[in-house]
All heavy atoms as atom14 arrays in JSON, in Angstrom:
{
  "sequence": "FLYIGTFGSFIGYAGAFPTLLKTQFPGAPMQ",
  "atom14_mask": [
    [1, 1, 1, 1, 1, 1, 1, 1, 1, 1, 1, 0, 0, 0],
    [1, 1, 1, 1, 1, 1, 1, 1, 0, 0, 0, 0, 0, 0],
    [1, 1, 1, 1, 1, 1, 1, 1, 1, 1, 1, 1, 0, 0],
    [1, 1, 1, 1, 1, 1, 1, 1, 0, 0, 0, 0, 0, 0],
    [1, 1, 1, 1, 0, 0, 0, 0, 0, 0, 0, 0, 0, 0],
    [1, 1, 1, 1, 1, 1, 1, 0, 0, 0, 0, 0, 0, 0],
    [1, 1, 1, 1, 1, 1, 1, 1, 1, 1, 1, 0, 0, 0],
    [1, 1, 1, 1, 0, 0, 0, 0, 0, 0, 0, 0, 0, 0],
    [1, 1, 1, 1, 1, 1, 0, 0, 0, 0, 0, 0, 0, 0],
    [1, 1, 1, 1, 1, 1, 1, 1, 1, 1, 1, 0, 0, 0],
    [1, 1, 1, 1, 1, 1, 1, 1, 0, 0, 0, 0, 0, 0],
    [1, 1, 1, 1, 0, 0, 0, 0, 0, 0, 0, 0, 0, 0],
    [1, 1, 1, 1, 1, 1, 1, 1, 1, 1, 1, 1, 0, 0],
    [1, 1, 1, 1, 1, 0, 0, 0, 0, 0, 0, 0, 0, 0],
    [1, 1, 1, 1, 0, 0, 0, 0, 0, 0, 0, 0, 0, 0],
    [1, 1, 1, 1, 1, 0, 0, 0, 0, 0, 0, 0, 0, 0],
    [1, 1, 1, 1, 1, 1, 1, 1, 1, 1, 1, 0, 0, 0],
    [1, 1, 1, 1, 1, 1, 1, 0, 0, 0, 0, 0, 0, 0],
    [1, 1, 1, 1, 1, 1, 1, 0, 0, 0, 0, 0, 0, 0],
    [1, 1, 1, 1, 1, 1, 1, 1, 0, 0, 0, 0, 0, 0],
    [1, 1, 1, 1, 1, 1, 1, 1, 0, 0, 0, 0, 0, 0],
    [1, 1, 1, 1, 1, 1, 1, 1, 1, 0, 0, 0, 0, 0],
    [1, 1, 1, 1, 1, 1, 1, 0, 0, 0, 0, 0, 0, 0],
    [1, 1, 1, 1, 1, 1, 1, 1, 1, 0, 0, 0, 0, 0],
    [1, 1, 1, 1, 1, 1, 1, 1, 1, 1, 1, 0, 0, 0],
    [1, 1, 1, 1, 1, 1, 1, 0, 0, 0, 0, 0, 0, 0],
    [1, 1, 1, 1, 0, 0, 0, 0, 0, 0, 0, 0, 0, 0],
    [1, 1, 1, 1, 1, 0, 0, 0, 0, 0, 0, 0, 0, 0],
    [1, 1, 1, 1, 1, 1, 1, 0, 0, 0, 0, 0, 0, 0],
    [1, 1, 1, 1, 1, 1, 1, 1, 0, 0, 0, 0, 0, 0],
    [1, 1, 1, 1, 1, 1, 1, 1, 1, 0, 0, 0, 0, 0]
  ],
  "atom14_positions": [
    [[-3.91, -19.95, -3.76], [-2.58, -19.5, -3.36], [-2.09, -18.41, -4.3], [-1.56, -17.38, -3.87], [-1.64, -20.7, -3.33], [-0.21, -20.36, -3.06], [0.19, -19.74, -1.88], [0.77, -20.68, -4.01], [1.53, -19.43, -1.64], [2.11, -20.39, -3.77], [2.48, -19.77, -2.59], [0.0, 0.0, 0.0], [0.0, 0.0, 0.0], [0.0, 0.0, 0.0]],
    [[-2.25, -18.64, -5.6], [-1.82, -17.64, -6.59], [-2.62, -16.35, -6.44], [-2.07, -15.25, -6.61], [-1.98, -18.18, -8.0], [-1.24, -19.48, -8.35], [-1.5, -19.87, -9.79], [0.25, -19.34, -8.07], [0.0, 0.0, 0.0], [0.0, 0.0, 0.0], [0.0, 0.0, 0.0], [0.0, 0.0, 0.0], [0.0, 0.0, 0.0], [0.0, 0.0, 0.0]],
    [[-3.88, -16.47, -6.08], [-4.73, -15.28, -5.99], [-4.37, -14.44, -4.77], [-4.62, -13.24, -4.74], [-6.2, -15.68, -5.96], [-7.09, -14.58, -6.45], [-6.9, -13.98, -7.69], [-8.17, -14.13, -5.68], [-7.72, -12.97, -8.14], [-9.0, -13.12, -6.13], [-8.78, -12.54, -7.36], [-9.6, -11.53, -7.8], [0.0, 0.0, 0.0], [0.0, 0.0, 0.0]],
    [[-3.8, -15.06, -3.75], [-3.25, -14.27, -2.64], [-2.18, -13.33, -3.17], [-2.07, -12.17, -2.75], [-2.67, -15.18, -1.54], [-3.8, -15.96, -0.86], [-1.9, -14.36, -0.51], [-3.28, -16.98, 0.15], [0.0, 0.0, 0.0], [0.0, 0.0, 0.0], [0.0, 0.0, 0.0], [0.0, 0.0, 0.0], [0.0, 0.0, 0.0], [0.0, 0.0, 0.0]],
    [[-1.38, -13.82, -4.13], [-0.31, -13.01, -4.7], [-0.8, -11.93, -5.64], [-0.1, -10.92, -5.83], [0.0, 0.0, 0.0], [0.0, 0.0, 0.0], [0.0, 0.0, 0.0], [0.0, 0.0, 0.0], [0.0, 0.0, 0.0], [0.0, 0.0, 0.0], [0.0, 0.0, 0.0], [0.0, 0.0, 0.0], [0.0, 0.0, 0.0], [0.0, 0.0, 0.0]],
    [[-1.97, -12.1, -6.25], [-2.46, -11.11, -7.21], [-3.48, -10.19, -6.56], [-3.19, -9.04, -6.25], [-3.01, -11.8, -8.46], [-4.03, -12.74, -8.09], [-1.91, -12.52, -9.21], [0.0, 0.0, 0.0], [0.0, 0.0, 0.0], [0.0, 0.0, 0.0], [0.0, 0.0, 0.0], [0.0, 0.0, 0.0], [0.0, 0.0, 0.0], [0.0, 0.0, 0.0]],
    [[-4.69, -10.69, -6.31], [-5.69, -9.83, -5.67], [-5.27, -9.46, -4.25], [-5.48, -8.33, -3.8], [-7.05, -10.51, -5.63], [-8.09, -9.66, -4.94], [-8.59, -8.52, -5.57], [-8.55, -9.97, -3.68], [-9.54, -7.72, -4.94], [-9.49, -9.18, -3.04], [-9.98, -8.05, -3.67], [0.0, 0.0, 0.0], [0.0, 0.0, 0.0], [0.0, 0.0, 0.0]],
    [[-4.66, -10.41, -3.54], [-4.21, -10.1, -2.18], [-3.19, -8.99, -2.17], [-3.19, -8.13, -1.28], [0.0, 0.0, 0.0], [0.0, 0.0, 0.0], [0.0, 0.0, 0.0], [0.0, 0.0, 0.0], [0.0, 0.0, 0.0], [0.0, 0.0, 0.0], [0.0, 0.0, 0.0], [0.0, 0.0, 0.0], [0.0, 0.0, 0.0], [0.0, 0.0, 0.0]],
    [[-2.3, -8.98, -3.17], [-1.32, -7.89, -3.27], [-2.03, -6.57, -3.57], [-1.68, -5.52, -3.0], [-0.31, -8.2, -4.38], [0.54, -9.25, -3.99], [0.0, 0.0, 0.0], [0.0, 0.0, 0.0], [0.0, 0.0, 0.0], [0.0, 0.0, 0.0], [0.0, 0.0, 0.0], [0.0, 0.0, 0.0], [0.0, 0.0, 0.0], [0.0, 0.0, 0.0]],
    [[-3.01, -6.61, -4.46], [-3.74, -5.38, -4.79], [-4.38, -4.78, -3.55], [-4.17, -3.6, -3.21], [-4.8, -5.66, -5.85], [-5.79, -4.53, -6.0], [-5.43, -3.36, -6.65], [-7.08, -4.63, -5.49], [-6.33, -2.3, -6.79], [-7.99, -3.59, -5.62], [-7.6, -2.42, -6.27], [0.0, 0.0, 0.0], [0.0, 0.0, 0.0], [0.0, 0.0, 0.0]],
    [[-5.16, -5.56, -2.82], [-5.89, -5.01, -1.68], [-4.95, -4.73, -0.52], [-5.14, -3.78, 0.25], [-7.05, -5.95, -1.28], [-8.11, -5.19, -0.48], [-6.58, -7.17, -0.52], [-8.86, -4.17, -1.29], [0.0, 0.0, 0.0], [0.0, 0.0, 0.0], [0.0, 0.0, 0.0], [0.0, 0.0, 0.0], [0.0, 0.0, 0.0], [0.0, 0.0, 0.0]],
    [[-3.88, -5.53, -0.38], [-2.92, -5.3, 0.7], [-2.09, -4.06, 0.5], [-1.95, -3.23, 1.41], [0.0, 0.0, 0.0], [0.0, 0.0, 0.0], [0.0, 0.0, 0.0], [0.0, 0.0, 0.0], [0.0, 0.0, 0.0], [0.0, 0.0, 0.0], [0.0, 0.0, 0.0], [0.0, 0.0, 0.0], [0.0, 0.0, 0.0], [0.0, 0.0, 0.0]],
    [[-1.55, -3.88, -0.69], [-0.77, -2.68, -0.97], [-1.67, -1.44, -0.99], [-1.24, -0.36, -0.55], [-0.04, -2.81, -2.31], [1.09, -3.8, -2.31], [1.23, -4.73, -3.35], [2.02, -3.82, -1.28], [2.27, -5.64, -3.35], [3.07, -4.73, -1.29], [3.19, -5.64, -2.31], [4.22, -6.55, -2.31], [0.0, 0.0, 0.0], [0.0, 0.0, 0.0]],
    [[-2.9, -1.58, -1.49], [-3.81, -0.43, -1.51], [-4.1, 0.04, -0.1], [-4.17, 1.24, 0.18], [-5.1, -0.8, -2.23], [0.0, 0.0, 0.0], [0.0, 0.0, 0.0], [0.0, 0.0, 0.0], [0.0, 0.0, 0.0], [0.0, 0.0, 0.0], [0.0, 0.0, 0.0], [0.0, 0.0, 0.0], [0.0, 0.0, 0.0], [0.0, 0.0, 0.0]],
    [[-4.27, -0.91, 0.83], [-4.54, -0.53, 2.21], [-3.33, 0.1, 2.89], [-3.47, 1.05, 3.66], [0.0, 0.0, 0.0], [0.0, 0.0, 0.0], [0.0, 0.0, 0.0], [0.0, 0.0, 0.0], [0.0, 0.0, 0.0], [0.0, 0.0, 0.0], [0.0, 0.0, 0.0], [0.0, 0.0, 0.0], [0.0, 0.0, 0.0], [0.0, 0.0, 0.0]],
    [[-2.14, -0.43, 2.6], [-0.95, 0.03, 3.3], [-0.32, 1.27, 2.7], [0.38, 2.01, 3.39], [0.09, -1.11, 3.32], [0.0, 0.0, 0.0], [0.0, 0.0, 0.0], [0.0, 0.0, 0.0], [0.0, 0.0, 0.0], [0.0, 0.0, 0.0], [0.0, 0.0, 0.0], [0.0, 0.0, 0.0], [0.0, 0.0, 0.0], [0.0, 0.0, 0.0]],
    [[-0.55, 1.53, 1.41], [0.19, 2.57, 0.7], [0.08, 3.96, 1.33], [1.09, 4.65, 1.51], [-0.26, 2.61, -0.76], [0.65, 3.39, -1.67], [2.04, 3.36, -1.51], [0.13, 4.16, -2.7], [2.88, 4.08, -2.35], [0.96, 4.89, -3.55], [2.33, 4.85, -3.36], [0.0, 0.0, 0.0], [0.0, 0.0, 0.0], [0.0, 0.0, 0.0]],
    [[-1.12, 4.44, 1.7], [-1.17, 5.75, 2.33], [-0.34, 5.85, 3.61], [0.35, 6.86, 3.84], [-2.67, 5.95, 2.62], [-3.36, 5.09, 1.62], [-2.48, 3.9, 1.49], [0.0, 0.0, 0.0], [0.0, 0.0, 0.0], [0.0, 0.0, 0.0], [0.0, 0.0, 0.0], [0.0, 0.0, 0.0], [0.0, 0.0, 0.0], [0.0, 0.0, 0.0]],
    [[-0.38, 4.82, 4.44], [0.41, 4.83, 5.68], [1.89, 4.74, 5.38], [2.72, 5.39, 6.05], [-0.03, 3.67, 6.59], [-1.4, 3.87, 6.97], [0.82, 3.6, 7.85], [0.0, 0.0, 0.0], [0.0, 0.0, 0.0], [0.0, 0.0, 0.0], [0.0, 0.0, 0.0], [0.0, 0.0, 0.0], [0.0, 0.0, 0.0], [0.0, 0.0, 0.0]],
    [[2.28, 3.97, 4.38], [3.68, 3.88, 4.0], [4.2, 5.25, 3.55], [5.31, 5.66, 3.92], [3.88, 2.86, 2.89], [3.62, 1.4, 3.26], [3.74, 0.51, 2.03], [4.57, 0.93, 4.35], [0.0, 0.0, 0.0], [0.0, 0.0, 0.0], [0.0, 0.0, 0.0], [0.0, 0.0, 0.0], [0.0, 0.0, 0.0], [0.0, 0.0, 0.0]],
    [[3.42, 5.95, 2.74], [3.83, 7.28, 2.31], [3.97, 8.23, 3.5], [4.94, 8.98, 3.61], [2.82, 7.84, 1.31], [2.78, 7.2, -0.07], [1.74, 7.92, -0.96], [4.13, 7.25, -0.75], [0.0, 0.0, 0.0], [0.0, 0.0, 0.0], [0.0, 0.0, 0.0], [0.0, 0.0, 0.0], [0.0, 0.0, 0.0], [0.0, 0.0, 0.0]],
    [[3.0, 8.17, 4.39], [2.99, 9.09, 5.53], [4.15, 8.85, 6.47], [4.75, 9.8, 7.0], [1.66, 8.93, 6.29], [1.46, 9.9, 7.44], [1.16, 11.29, 6.95], [0.76, 12.21, 8.09], [0.46, 13.58, 7.61], [0.0, 0.0, 0.0], [0.0, 0.0, 0.0], [0.0, 0.0, 0.0], [0.0, 0.0, 0.0], [0.0, 0.0, 0.0]],
    [[4.51, 7.58, 6.7], [5.53, 7.26, 7.7], [6.95, 7.24, 7.11], [7.91, 7.59, 7.8], [5.24, 5.9, 8.35], [5.15, 4.89, 7.34], [3.93, 5.94, 9.13], [0.0, 0.0, 0.0], [0.0, 0.0, 0.0], [0.0, 0.0, 0.0], [0.0, 0.0, 0.0], [0.0, 0.0, 0.0], [0.0, 0.0, 0.0], [0.0, 0.0, 0.0]],
    [[7.09, 6.83, 5.85], [8.42, 6.73, 5.27], [8.87, 8.03, 4.59], [10.05, 8.31, 4.51], [8.46, 5.58, 4.25], [8.08, 4.24, 4.85], [8.92, 3.85, 6.04], [10.14, 3.81, 5.96], [8.28, 3.59, 7.17], [0.0, 0.0, 0.0], [0.0, 0.0, 0.0], [0.0, 0.0, 0.0], [0.0, 0.0, 0.0], [0.0, 0.0, 0.0]],
    [[7.9, 8.8, 4.09], [8.21, 10.06, 3.41], [7.22, 11.13, 3.91], [6.27, 11.48, 3.21], [8.11, 9.9, 1.9], [9.03, 8.86, 1.33], [8.61, 7.54, 1.18], [10.33, 9.2, 0.98], [9.47, 6.58, 0.67], [11.2, 8.23, 0.47], [10.77, 6.94, 0.32], [0.0, 0.0, 0.0], [0.0, 0.0, 0.0], [0.0, 0.0, 0.0]],
    [[7.43, 11.6, 5.14], [6.45, 12.51, 5.77], [6.14, 13.76, 4.95], [5.03, 14.28, 5.04], [7.12, 12.87, 7.1], [8.06, 11.74, 7.37], [8.55, 11.3, 6.04], [0.0, 0.0, 0.0], [0.0, 0.0, 0.0], [0.0, 0.0, 0.0], [0.0, 0.0, 0.0], [0.0, 0.0, 0.0], [0.0, 0.0, 0.0], [0.0, 0.0, 0.0]],
    [[7.07, 14.23, 4.16], [6.81, 15.44, 3.38], [6.13, 15.19, 2.05], [5.77, 16.14, 1.33], [0.0, 0.0, 0.0], [0.0, 0.0, 0.0], [0.0, 0.0, 0.0], [0.0, 0.0, 0.0], [0.0, 0.0, 0.0], [0.0, 0.0, 0.0], [0.0, 0.0, 0.0], [0.0, 0.0, 0.0], [0.0, 0.0, 0.0], [0.0, 0.0, 0.0]],
    [[5.92, 13.91, 1.71], [5.33, 13.59, 0.41], [3.83, 13.85, 0.41], [3.17, 13.73, 1.45], [5.59, 12.12, 0.08], [0.0, 0.0, 0.0], [0.0, 0.0, 0.0], [0.0, 0.0, 0.0], [0.0, 0.0, 0.0], [0.0, 0.0, 0.0], [0.0, 0.0, 0.0], [0.0, 0.0, 0.0], [0.0, 0.0, 0.0], [0.0, 0.0, 0.0]],
    [[3.27, 14.21, -0.73], [1.82, 14.46, -0.8], [1.03, 13.15, -0.72], [1.06, 12.34, -1.65], [1.64, 15.13, -2.16], [2.82, 14.69, -2.97], [3.94, 14.47, -2.01], [0.0, 0.0, 0.0], [0.0, 0.0, 0.0], [0.0, 0.0, 0.0], [0.0, 0.0, 0.0], [0.0, 0.0, 0.0], [0.0, 0.0, 0.0], [0.0, 0.0, 0.0]],
    [[0.35, 12.93, 0.4], [-0.4, 11.7, 0.58], [-1.59, 11.62, -0.39], [-2.14, 10.54, -0.61], [-0.9, 11.6, 2.02], [-1.17, 10.18, 2.47], [-1.83, 10.09, 4.14], [-3.53, 10.53, 3.86], [0.0, 0.0, 0.0], [0.0, 0.0, 0.0], [0.0, 0.0, 0.0], [0.0, 0.0, 0.0], [0.0, 0.0, 0.0], [0.0, 0.0, 0.0]],
    [[-1.97, 12.76, -0.97], [-3.09, 12.76, -1.9], [-2.82, 11.88, -3.13], [-3.74, 11.49, -3.84], [-3.39, 14.19, -2.37], [-3.85, 15.13, -1.26], [-2.68, 15.81, -0.55], [-1.54, 15.33, -0.65], [-2.96, 16.91, 0.12], [0.0, 0.0, 0.0], [0.0, 0.0, 0.0], [0.0, 0.0, 0.0], [0.0, 0.0, 0.0], [0.0, 0.0, 0.0]]
  ]
}
Protein backbone atom coordinates (compact mmCIF):
# COMPACT_ATOMS: atom_id res chain seq x y z
CA PHE A 1 0.00 0.00 0.00
CA LEU A 2 2.80 2.40 0.90
CA TYR A 3 4.64 1.56 -2.31
CA ILE A 4 1.62 2.61 -4.35
CA GLY A 5 2.19 6.04 -2.80
CA THR A 6 5.92 6.13 -3.56
CA PHE A 7 6.80 4.17 -6.69
CA GLY A 8 3.21 4.39 -7.93
CA SER A 9 3.38 8.16 -7.63
CA PHE A 10 6.69 8.23 -9.51
CA ILE A 11 5.47 6.19 -12.47
CA GLY A 12 1.98 7.75 -12.41
CA TYR A 13 3.13 11.36 -12.37
CA ALA A 14 5.89 10.57 -14.89
CA GLY A 15 3.30 9.20 -17.30
CA ALA A 16 0.81 12.02 -16.82
CA PHE A 17 3.18 15.00 -16.61
CA PRO A 18 3.71 15.62 -20.36
CA THR A 19 -0.05 15.54 -21.00
CA LEU A 20 -0.73 17.77 -18.00
CA LEU A 21 1.72 20.35 -19.32
CA LYS A 22 0.26 20.17 -22.81
CA THR A 23 -3.39 20.50 -21.73
CA GLN A 24 -3.12 22.86 -18.75
CA PHE A 25 -0.39 25.15 -20.08
CA PRO A 26 -0.48 24.86 -23.89
CA GLY A 27 2.25 27.46 -24.40
CA ALA A 28 4.68 25.81 -21.99
CA PRO A 29 7.72 23.95 -23.36
CA MET A 30 6.79 20.27 -23.17
CA GLN A 31 10.48 19.42 -23.58
